[in-house]
């Protein structure tokens, strides 16, 4: 029964990951540790495998429909993958309580950022760096194809390096930091940010999953139901996002962040992890 429950829970995580660009790992790690009592290192390993599955399931649909910006994703992935490799080696020297505490802080910061965000403003004039790199694009909206531009690319690259480190240490696919970096720092539309994040997270997770596999932290009996559940959830979530309202997605994002942050912070401070 437990593998079935894990798979069903992973389905919900995959659905949420596809809708918000978080990759599902941000839900899976606390879910596996808090609800199912899995050691956090093995939870991170299974989550990384699931994040790769989520990216494969959802990103193809997002690219085909014109939401994800492939050019931006490839550019930012250089910084993210570098950070992921560094974080994967650093994770071996961090205690589970420290990892859980960092996780909770990341969630709270993301929730605070989302609460402070007002109505979406689409930038149509790029800065010099974005113009030189030709990062502008269009995405489908209810009024047809909507043009958009990008700004502050160097700031986005720096945040993507941090996102890679967070991905490797916490096994969350770094979707949280990636969405924040693209949505706020680079001023990309929210749907473009989430879908481009989904396109990127698989590569980031793969960079650090190899290290976890080498250390024996990927248990096939745990990773298999997690991967299948997340894969199914992401497949369902991809078409739903196309018609979803940005404000609803932000509200969902914020609610999940606050609930999970409270759980992980409590577990970290009381040592129950």
C-alpha atoms as a PDB file:
ATOM      1  CA  UNK A   1       0.000   0.000   0.000  1.00  0.00           C
ATOM      2  CA  UNK A   2       2.825   2.405   0.788  1.00  0.00           C
ATOM      3  CA  UNK A   3       4.250   2.440  -2.779  1.00  0.00           C
ATOM      4  CA  UNK A   4       0.733   3.182  -4.060  1.00  0.00           C
ATOM      5  CA  UNK A   5       0.302   6.039  -1.580  1.00  0.00           C
ATOM      6  CA  UNK A   6       3.714   7.403  -2.534  1.00  0.00           C
ATOM      7  CA  UNK A   7       2.784   7.240  -6.226  1.00  0.00           C
ATOM      8  CA  UNK A   8      -0.528   9.039  -5.606  1.00  0.00           C
ATOM      9  CA  UNK A   9       1.226  11.715  -3.570  1.00  0.00           C
ATOM     10  CA  UNK A  10       3.842  12.060  -6.305  1.00  0.00           C
ATOM     11  CA  UNK A  11       1.022  12.508  -8.840  1.00  0.00           C
ATOM     12  CA  UNK A  12      -0.191  15.561  -6.919  1.00  0.00           C
ATOM     13  CA  UNK A  13       3.379  16.853  -6.695  1.00  0.00           C
ATOM     14  CA  UNK A  14       3.881  16.423 -10.445  1.00  0.00           C
ATOM     15  CA  UNK A  15       0.633  18.246 -11.190  1.00  0.00           C
ATOM     16  CA  UNK A  16       1.672  21.137  -8.979  1.00  0.00           C
ATOM     17  CA  UNK A  17       5.182  21.130 -10.430  1.00  0.00           C
ATOM     18  CA  UNK A  18       3.880  21.450 -13.982  1.00  0.00           C
ATOM     19  CA  UNK A  19       1.527  24.305 -13.081  1.00  0.00           C
ATOM     20  CA  UNK A  20       4.094  26.365 -11.180  1.00  0.00           C
ATOM     21  CA  UNK A  21       7.411  25.409 -12.787  1.00  0.00           C
ATOM     22  CA  UNK A  22       8.711  24.002  -9.500  1.00  0.00           C
ATOM     23  CA  UNK A  23       9.319  20.498 -10.810  1.00  0.00           C
ATOM     24  CA  UNK A  24       7.429  18.705  -8.044  1.00  0.00           C
ATOM     25  CA  UNK A  25      10.571  18.207  -5.971  1.00  0.00           C
ATOM     26  CA  UNK A  26       9.713  21.102  -3.708  1.00  0.00           C
ATOM     27  CA  UNK A  27       6.673  19.115  -2.577  1.00  0.00           C
ATOM     28  CA  UNK A  28       8.200  15.646  -2.723  1.00  0.00           C
ATOM     29  CA  UNK A  29      11.123  16.176  -0.338  1.00  0.00           C
ATOM     30  CA  UNK A  30       9.039  17.341   2.668  1.00  0.00           C
ATOM     31  CA  UNK A  31       6.277  14.900   1.734  1.00  0.00           C
ATOM     32  CA  UNK A  32       8.585  11.890   1.760  1.00  0.00           C
ATOM     33  CA  UNK A  33      10.401  12.958   4.921  1.00  0.00           C
ATOM     34  CA  UNK A  34       7.470  14.259   6.980  1.00  0.00           C
ATOM     35  CA  UNK A  35       4.637  11.930   5.922  1.00  0.00           C
ATOM     36  CA  UNK A  36       6.448   8.722   4.942  1.00  0.00           C
ATOM     37  CA  UNK A  37       9.502   9.012   7.234  1.00  0.00           C
ATOM     38  CA  UNK A  38      12.095   8.654   4.460  1.00  0.00           C
ATOM     39  CA  UNK A  39      15.665   9.759   5.213  1.00  0.00           C
ATOM     40  CA  UNK A  40      16.154  13.177   3.629  1.00  0.00           C
ATOM     41  CA  UNK A  41      19.181  12.081   1.571  1.00  0.00           C
ATOM     42  CA  UNK A  42      17.163   9.301  -0.080  1.00  0.00           C
ATOM     43  CA  UNK A  43      14.187  11.667  -0.455  1.00  0.00           C
ATOM     44  CA  UNK A  44      16.420  14.132  -2.306  1.00  0.00           C
ATOM     45  CA  UNK A  45      17.743  11.330  -4.540  1.00  0.00           C
ATOM     46  CA  UNK A  46      14.238  10.142  -5.465  1.00  0.00           C
ATOM     47  CA  UNK A  47      13.139  13.725  -5.965  1.00  0.00           C
ATOM     48  CA  UNK A  48      15.942  14.418  -8.427  1.00  0.00           C
ATOM     49  CA  UNK A  49      14.859  11.424 -10.508  1.00  0.00           C
ATOM     50  CA  UNK A  50      11.273  12.674 -10.383  1.00  0.00           C
ATOM     51  CA  UNK A  51      12.326  16.184 -11.390  1.00  0.00           C
ATOM     52  CA  UNK A  52      13.972  14.791 -14.529  1.00  0.00           C
ATOM     53  CA  UNK A  53      10.748  12.911 -15.327  1.00  0.00           C
ATOM     54  CA  UNK A  54       8.664  16.059 -14.765  1.00  0.00           C
ATOM     55  CA  UNK A  55      10.826  18.071 -17.115  1.00  0.00           C
ATOM     56  CA  UNK A  56      10.584  15.433 -19.837  1.00  0.00           C
ATOM     57  CA  UNK A  57       6.794  15.181 -19.488  1.00  0.00           C
ATOM     58  CA  UNK A  58       5.900  18.855 -19.364  1.00  0.00           C
ATOM     59  CA  UNK A  59       8.591  20.762 -21.252  1.00  0.00           C
ATOM     60  CA  UNK A  60       7.863  19.140 -24.631  1.00  0.00           C
ATOM     61  CA  UNK A  61       4.278  20.364 -24.452  1.00  0.00           C
ATOM     62  CA  UNK A  62       5.315  23.853 -23.312  1.00  0.00           C
ATOM     63  CA  UNK A  63       7.852  24.192 -26.132  1.00  0.00           C
ATOM     64  CA  UNK A  64       5.362  22.969 -28.725  1.00  0.00           C
ATOM     65  CA  UNK A  65       2.723  25.467 -27.593  1.00  0.00           C
ATOM     66  CA  UNK A  66       5.205  28.359 -27.627  1.00  0.00           C
ATOM     67  CA  UNK A  67       5.369  29.144 -23.912  1.00  0.00           C
ATOM     68  CA  UNK A  68       8.939  28.145 -23.038  1.00  0.00           C
ATOM     69  CA  UNK A  69      11.799  30.325 -24.316  1.00  0.00           C
ATOM     70  CA  UNK A  70      14.455  27.803 -25.406  1.00  0.00           C
ATOM     71  CA  UNK A  71      17.131  30.438 -26.080  1.00  0.00           C
ATOM     72  CA  UNK A  72      16.858  31.849 -22.556  1.00  0.00           C
ATOM     73  CA  UNK A  73      16.699  28.364 -21.053  1.00  0.00           C
ATOM     74  CA  UNK A  74      19.923  27.225 -22.724  1.00  0.00           C
ATOM     75  CA  UNK A  75      21.737  30.421 -21.736  1.00  0.00           C
ATOM     76  CA  UNK A  76      20.706  30.281 -18.085  1.00  0.00           C
ATOM     77  CA  UNK A  77      21.338  26.532 -17.847  1.00  0.00           C
ATOM     78  CA  UNK A  78      25.089  27.170 -18.139  1.00  0.00           C
ATOM     79  CA  UNK A  79      25.076  28.984 -14.788  1.00  0.00           C
ATOM     80  CA  UNK A  80      22.583  26.592 -13.186  1.00  0.00           C
ATOM     81  CA  UNK A  81      24.476  23.413 -14.099  1.00  0.00           C
ATOM     82  CA  UNK A  82      27.727  24.863 -12.761  1.00  0.00           C
ATOM     83  CA  UNK A  83      26.013  25.608  -9.462  1.00  0.00           C
ATOM     84  CA  UNK A  84      24.403  22.144  -9.381  1.00  0.00           C
ATOM     85  CA  UNK A  85      27.744  20.369  -9.673  1.00  0.00           C
ATOM     86  CA  UNK A  86      29.193  22.474  -6.869  1.00  0.00           C
ATOM     87  CA  UNK A  87      26.134  21.945  -4.667  1.00  0.00           C
ATOM     88  CA  UNK A  88      26.100  18.172  -5.172  1.00  0.00           C
ATOM     89  CA  UNK A  89      29.582  17.872  -3.674  1.00  0.00           C
ATOM     90  CA  UNK A  90      28.824  20.358  -0.880  1.00  0.00           C
ATOM     91  CA  UNK A  91      25.673  18.457   0.156  1.00  0.00           C
ATOM     92  CA  UNK A  92      27.756  15.568   1.546  1.00  0.00           C
ATOM     93  CA  UNK A  93      29.076  17.844   4.292  1.00  0.00           C
ATOM     94  CA  UNK A  94      25.714  19.222   5.458  1.00  0.00           C
ATOM     95  CA  UNK A  95      23.607  17.590   8.206  1.00  0.00           C
ATOM     96  CA  UNK A  96      19.942  16.751   7.414  1.00  0.00           C
ATOM     97  CA  UNK A  97      18.731  19.388   9.906  1.00  0.00           C
ATOM     98  CA  UNK A  98      20.785  22.048   8.137  1.00  0.00           C
ATOM     99  CA  UNK A  99      19.447  21.005   4.726  1.00  0.00           C
ATOM    100  CA  UNK A 100      15.856  21.103   6.033  1.00  0.00           C
ATOM    101  CA  UNK A 101      16.414  24.547   7.568  1.00  0.00           C
ATOM    102  CA  UNK A 102      17.826  25.922   4.297  1.00  0.00           C
ATOM    103  CA  UNK A 103      14.865  24.410   2.484  1.00  0.00           C
ATOM    104  CA  UNK A 104      12.392  26.165   4.806  1.00  0.00           C
ATOM    105  CA  UNK A 105      14.114  29.534   4.372  1.00  0.00           C
ATOM    106  CA  UNK A 106      14.041  29.183   0.573  1.00  0.00           C
ATOM    107  CA  UNK A 107      10.319  28.423   0.712  1.00  0.00           C
ATOM    108  CA  UNK A 108       9.538  31.394   2.976  1.00  0.00           C
ATOM    109  CA  UNK A 109      11.507  33.803   0.787  1.00  0.00           C
ATOM    110  CA  UNK A 110       9.680  32.526  -2.276  1.00  0.00           C
ATOM    111  CA  UNK A 111       6.295  32.906  -0.581  1.00  0.00           C
ATOM    112  CA  UNK A 112       7.121  36.458   0.533  1.00  0.00           C
ATOM    113  CA  UNK A 113       8.189  37.392  -2.982  1.00  0.00           C
ATOM    114  CA  UNK A 114       4.988  36.007  -4.432  1.00  0.00           C
ATOM    115  CA  UNK A 115       2.813  37.879  -1.923  1.00  0.00           C
ATOM    116  CA  UNK A 116       4.475  41.181  -2.792  1.00  0.00           C
ATOM    117  CA  UNK A 117       3.889  40.699  -6.508  1.00  0.00           C
ATOM    118  CA  UNK A 118       1.047  42.711  -7.971  1.00  0.00           C
ATOM    119  CA  UNK A 119      -0.543  42.453 -11.376  1.00  0.00           C
ATOM    120  CA  UNK A 120       1.779  41.241 -14.103  1.00  0.00           C
ATOM    121  CA  UNK A 121       3.499  43.912 -16.200  1.00  0.00           C
ATOM    122  CA  UNK A 122       4.977  42.690 -19.484  1.00  0.00           C
ATOM    123  CA  UNK A 123       8.185  44.418 -20.547  1.00  0.00           C
ATOM    124  CA  UNK A 124       8.390  45.135 -24.269  1.00  0.00           C
ATOM    125  CA  UNK A 125      11.704  47.055 -24.393  1.00  0.00           C
ATOM    126  CA  UNK A 126      14.849  44.945 -23.770  1.00  0.00           C
ATOM    127  CA  UNK A 127      18.084  46.261 -22.274  1.00  0.00           C
ATOM    128  CA  UNK A 128      21.357  46.184 -24.218  1.00  0.00           C
ATOM    129  CA  UNK A 129      22.438  42.705 -23.079  1.00  0.00           C
ATOM    130  CA  UNK A 130      19.084  41.106 -23.869  1.00  0.00           C
ATOM    131  CA  UNK A 131      18.996  42.856 -27.260  1.00  0.00           C
ATOM    132  CA  UNK A 132      22.500  41.641 -28.127  1.00  0.00           C
ATOM    133  CA  UNK A 133      21.608  38.072 -27.131  1.00  0.00           C
ATOM    134  CA  UNK A 134      18.237  38.282 -28.925  1.00  0.00           C
ATOM    135  CA  UNK A 135      16.239  36.965 -25.968  1.00  0.00           C
ATOM    136  CA  UNK A 136      12.884  38.593 -26.742  1.00  0.00           C
ATOM    137  CA  UNK A 137       9.996  36.352 -27.712  1.00  0.00           C
ATOM    138  CA  UNK A 138       6.232  35.853 -27.860  1.00  0.00           C
ATOM    139  CA  UNK A 139       3.833  33.589 -25.965  1.00  0.00           C
ATOM    140  CA  UNK A 140       0.162  32.608 -26.461  1.00  0.00           C
ATOM    141  CA  UNK A 141      -2.343  34.714 -24.517  1.00  0.00           C
ATOM    142  CA  UNK A 142      -6.111  35.112 -24.593  1.00  0.00           C
ATOM    143  CA  UNK A 143      -5.600  38.046 -26.971  1.00  0.00           C
ATOM    144  CA  UNK A 144      -3.274  36.190 -29.349  1.00  0.00           C
ATOM    145  CA  UNK A 145       0.526  36.129 -29.418  1.00  0.00           C
ATOM    146  CA  UNK A 146       1.940  38.516 -26.802  1.00  0.00           C
ATOM    147  CA  UNK A 147       5.443  39.954 -27.412  1.00  0.00           C
ATOM    148  CA  UNK A 148       7.777  40.338 -24.415  1.00  0.00           C
ATOM    149  CA  UNK A 149      11.370  41.334 -23.703  1.00  0.00           C
ATOM    150  CA  UNK A 150      13.942  40.570 -21.007  1.00  0.00           C
ATOM    151  CA  UNK A 151      16.104  42.733 -18.747  1.00  0.00           C
ATOM    152  CA  UNK A 152      18.956  42.341 -16.204  1.00  0.00           C
ATOM    153  CA  UNK A 153      20.413  39.176 -17.710  1.00  0.00           C
ATOM    154  CA  UNK A 154      23.615  39.241 -15.529  1.00  0.00           C
ATOM    155  CA  UNK A 155      21.468  39.327 -12.363  1.00  0.00           C
ATOM    156  CA  UNK A 156      19.462  36.402 -13.705  1.00  0.00           C
ATOM    157  CA  UNK A 157      22.648  34.439 -14.398  1.00  0.00           C
ATOM    158  CA  UNK A 158      23.875  34.997 -10.824  1.00  0.00           C
ATOM    159  CA  UNK A 159      20.560  33.828  -9.392  1.00  0.00           C
ATOM    160  CA  UNK A 160      20.638  30.795 -11.669  1.00  0.00           C
ATOM    161  CA  UNK A 161      24.005  29.770 -10.226  1.00  0.00           C
ATOM    162  CA  UNK A 162      22.429  29.914  -6.759  1.00  0.00           C
ATOM    163  CA  UNK A 163      19.466  27.951  -8.130  1.00  0.00           C
ATOM    164  CA  UNK A 164      21.815  25.174  -9.210  1.00  0.00           C
ATOM    165  CA  UNK A 165      23.369  24.946  -5.757  1.00  0.00           C
ATOM    166  CA  UNK A 166      19.911  24.837  -4.154  1.00  0.00           C
ATOM    167  CA  UNK A 167      18.830  22.120  -6.573  1.00  0.00           C
ATOM    168  CA  UNK A 168      21.700  19.816  -5.697  1.00  0.00           C
ATOM    169  CA  UNK A 169      21.513  20.363  -1.940  1.00  0.00           C
ATOM    170  CA  UNK A 170      17.729  20.157  -1.596  1.00  0.00           C
ATOM    171  CA  UNK A 171      16.695  18.053  -4.592  1.00  0.00           C
ATOM    172  CA  UNK A 172      13.975  20.484  -5.637  1.00  0.00           C
ATOM    173  CA  UNK A 173      15.000  21.078  -9.236  1.00  0.00           C
ATOM    174  CA  UNK A 174      15.715  24.726  -8.301  1.00  0.00           C
ATOM    175  CA  UNK A 175      12.375  25.712  -9.807  1.00  0.00           C
ATOM    176  CA  UNK A 176      11.679  28.073  -6.907  1.00  0.00           C
ATOM    177  CA  UNK A 177      14.755  30.224  -7.482  1.00  0.00           C
ATOM    178  CA  UNK A 178      14.473  29.945 -11.260  1.00  0.00           C
ATOM    179  CA  UNK A 179      10.905  31.206 -11.372  1.00  0.00           C
ATOM    180  CA  UNK A 180      11.760  34.056  -9.001  1.00  0.00           C
ATOM    181  CA  UNK A 181      14.845  34.979 -11.054  1.00  0.00           C
ATOM    182  CA  UNK A 182      13.042  35.044 -14.385  1.00  0.00           C
ATOM    183  CA  UNK A 183       9.758  36.504 -13.144  1.00  0.00           C
ATOM    184  CA  UNK A 184      11.156  39.248 -10.893  1.00  0.00           C
ATOM    185  CA  UNK A 185      14.813  39.881 -11.754  1.00  0.00           C
ATOM    186  CA  UNK A 186      14.555  39.430 -15.527  1.00  0.00           C
ATOM    187  CA  UNK A 187      10.921  40.673 -15.689  1.00  0.00           C
ATOM    188  CA  UNK A 188       9.668  37.815 -17.858  1.00  0.00           C
ATOM    189  CA  UNK A 189       5.916  36.969 -17.976  1.00  0.00           C
ATOM    190  CA  UNK A 190       4.952  34.506 -15.239  1.00  0.00           C
ATOM    191  CA  UNK A 191       3.785  31.748 -17.601  1.00  0.00           C
ATOM    192  CA  UNK A 192       6.972  32.055 -19.655  1.00  0.00           C
ATOM    193  CA  UNK A 193       9.024  31.902 -16.439  1.00  0.00           C
ATOM    194  CA  UNK A 194       7.314  28.761 -15.152  1.00  0.00           C
ATOM    195  CA  UNK A 195       7.407  26.920 -18.474  1.00  0.00           C
ATOM    196  CA  UNK A 196      11.024  27.849 -19.183  1.00  0.00           C
ATOM    197  CA  UNK A 197      11.843  26.661 -15.654  1.00  0.00           C
ATOM    198  CA  UNK A 198      10.179  23.316 -16.422  1.00  0.00           C
ATOM    199  CA  UNK A 199      12.266  23.100 -19.582  1.00  0.00           C
ATOM    200  CA  UNK A 200      15.474  23.717 -17.592  1.00  0.00           C
ATOM    201  CA  UNK A 201      15.021  21.704 -14.411  1.00  0.00           C
ATOM    202  CA  UNK A 202      15.656  18.303 -15.988  1.00  0.00           C
ATOM    203  CA  UNK A 203      19.193  19.255 -17.040  1.00  0.00           C
ATOM    204  CA  UNK A 204      19.918  20.793 -13.632  1.00  0.00           C
ATOM    205  CA  UNK A 205      18.651  17.730 -11.776  1.00  0.00           C
ATOM    206  CA  UNK A 206      20.578  15.346 -14.029  1.00  0.00           C
ATOM    207  CA  UNK A 207      23.813  17.179 -13.245  1.00  0.00           C
ATOM    208  CA  UNK A 208      23.466  16.438  -9.536  1.00  0.00           C
ATOM    209  CA  UNK A 209      21.556  13.121  -9.703  1.00  0.00           C
ATOM    210  CA  UNK A 210      24.702  11.359 -10.934  1.00  0.00           C
ATOM    211  CA  UNK A 211      26.520  12.352  -7.764  1.00  0.00           C
ATOM    212  CA  UNK A 212      23.670  11.082  -5.557  1.00  0.00           C
ATOM    213  CA  UNK A 213      23.568   7.813  -7.530  1.00  0.00           C
ATOM    214  CA  UNK A 214      27.307   7.341  -7.016  1.00  0.00           C
ATOM    215  CA  UNK A 215      26.852   7.815  -3.259  1.00  0.00           C
ATOM    216  CA  UNK A 216      24.015   5.254  -3.109  1.00  0.00           C
ATOM    217  CA  UNK A 217      21.239   7.715  -2.256  1.00  0.00           C
ATOM    218  CA  UNK A 218      18.917   6.700  -5.111  1.00  0.00           C
ATOM    219  CA  UNK A 219      16.794   3.705  -4.040  1.00  0.00           C
ATOM    220  CA  UNK A 220      15.001   2.168  -7.067  1.00  0.00           C
ATOM    221  CA  UNK A 221      12.131   0.895  -4.872  1.00  0.00           C
ATOM    222  CA  UNK A 222      11.460   4.467  -3.766  1.00  0.00           C
ATOM    223  CA  UNK A 223      12.386   6.310  -6.949  1.00  0.00           C
ATOM    224  CA  UNK A 224      10.166   4.155  -9.225  1.00  0.00           C
ATOM    225  CA  UNK A 225       6.719   4.944  -7.690  1.00  0.00           C
ATOM    226  CA  UNK A 226       7.791   8.568  -7.204  1.00  0.00           C
ATOM    227  CA  UNK A 227       8.866   8.904 -10.828  1.00  0.00           C
ATOM    228  CA  UNK A 228       5.725   7.236 -12.231  1.00  0.00           C
ATOM    229  CA  UNK A 229       3.429   9.369 -10.089  1.00  0.00           C
ATOM    230  CA  UNK A 230       5.184  12.619 -10.948  1.00  0.00           C
ATOM    231  CA  UNK A 231       5.292  11.731 -14.637  1.00  0.00           C
ATOM    232  CA  UNK A 232       1.525  11.175 -14.699  1.00  0.00           C
ATOM    233  CA  UNK A 233       0.832  14.363 -12.752  1.00  0.00           C
ATOM    234  CA  UNK A 234       3.048  16.474 -14.993  1.00  0.00           C
ATOM    235  CA  UNK A 235       1.356  15.098 -18.107  1.00  0.00           C
ATOM    236  CA  UNK A 236      -2.021  16.191 -16.747  1.00  0.00           C
ATOM    237  CA  UNK A 237      -0.768  19.569 -15.554  1.00  0.00           C
ATOM    238  CA  UNK A 238       0.796  20.722 -18.828  1.00  0.00           C
ATOM    239  CA  UNK A 239      -2.462  21.286 -20.760  1.00  0.00           C
ATOM    240  CA  UNK A 240      -4.164  22.761 -17.675  1.00  0.00           C
ATOM    241  CA  UNK A 241      -1.594  25.559 -17.417  1.00  0.00           C
ATOM    242  CA  UNK A 242      -2.447  26.937 -20.870  1.00  0.00           C
ATOM    243  CA  UNK A 243      -5.870  28.144 -19.720  1.00  0.00           C
ATOM    244  CA  UNK A 244      -4.999  28.949 -16.101  1.00  0.00           C
ATOM    245  CA  UNK A 245      -5.004  32.529 -14.821  1.00  0.00           C
ATOM    246  CA  UNK A 246      -1.706  34.002 -13.666  1.00  0.00           C
ATOM    247  CA  UNK A 247      -3.188  35.290 -10.410  1.00  0.00           C
ATOM    248  CA  UNK A 248      -4.514  31.817  -9.558  1.00  0.00           C
ATOM    249  CA  UNK A 249      -1.107  30.265 -10.244  1.00  0.00           C
ATOM    250  CA  UNK A 250       0.577  32.820  -7.965  1.00  0.00           C
ATOM    251  CA  UNK A 251      -1.941  32.109  -5.179  1.00  0.00           C
ATOM    252  CA  UNK A 252      -1.319  28.361  -5.515  1.00  0.00           C
ATOM    253  CA  UNK A 253       2.445  28.954  -5.497  1.00  0.00           C
ATOM    254  CA  UNK A 254       2.277  31.059  -2.322  1.00  0.00           C
ATOM    255  CA  UNK A 255      -0.013  28.690  -0.403  1.00  0.00           C
ATOM    256  CA  UNK A 256       2.171  25.649  -1.054  1.00  0.00           C
ATOM    257  CA  UNK A 257       5.328  27.533  -0.083  1.00  0.00           C
ATOM    258  CA  UNK A 258       3.955  28.668   3.295  1.00  0.00           C
ATOM    259  CA  UNK A 259       2.560  25.263   4.316  1.00  0.00           C
ATOM    260  CA  UNK A 260       5.696  23.326   3.388  1.00  0.00           C
ATOM    261  CA  UNK A 261       8.016  25.921   4.927  1.00  0.00           C
ATOM    262  CA  UNK A 262       6.209  25.695   8.260  1.00  0.00           C
ATOM    263  CA  UNK A 263       6.450  21.892   8.280  1.00  0.00           C
ATOM    264  CA  UNK A 264      10.119  21.731   7.341  1.00  0.00           C
ATOM    265  CA  UNK A 265      11.122  24.531   9.728  1.00  0.00           C
ATOM    266  CA  UNK A 266       9.387  22.752  12.598  1.00  0.00           C
ATOM    267  CA  UNK A 267      11.080  19.459  11.762  1.00  0.00           C
ATOM    268  CA  UNK A 268      14.464  21.129  11.488  1.00  0.00           C
ATOM    269  CA  UNK A 269      14.275  23.043  14.778  1.00  0.00           C
ATOM    270  CA  UNK A 270      12.909  20.061  16.739  1.00  0.00           C
ATOM    271  CA  UNK A 271      15.325  17.569  15.175  1.00  0.00           C
ATOM    272  CA  UNK A 272      12.528  15.340  13.860  1.00  0.00           C
ATOM    273  CA  UNK A 273      14.111  14.716  10.492  1.00  0.00           C
END
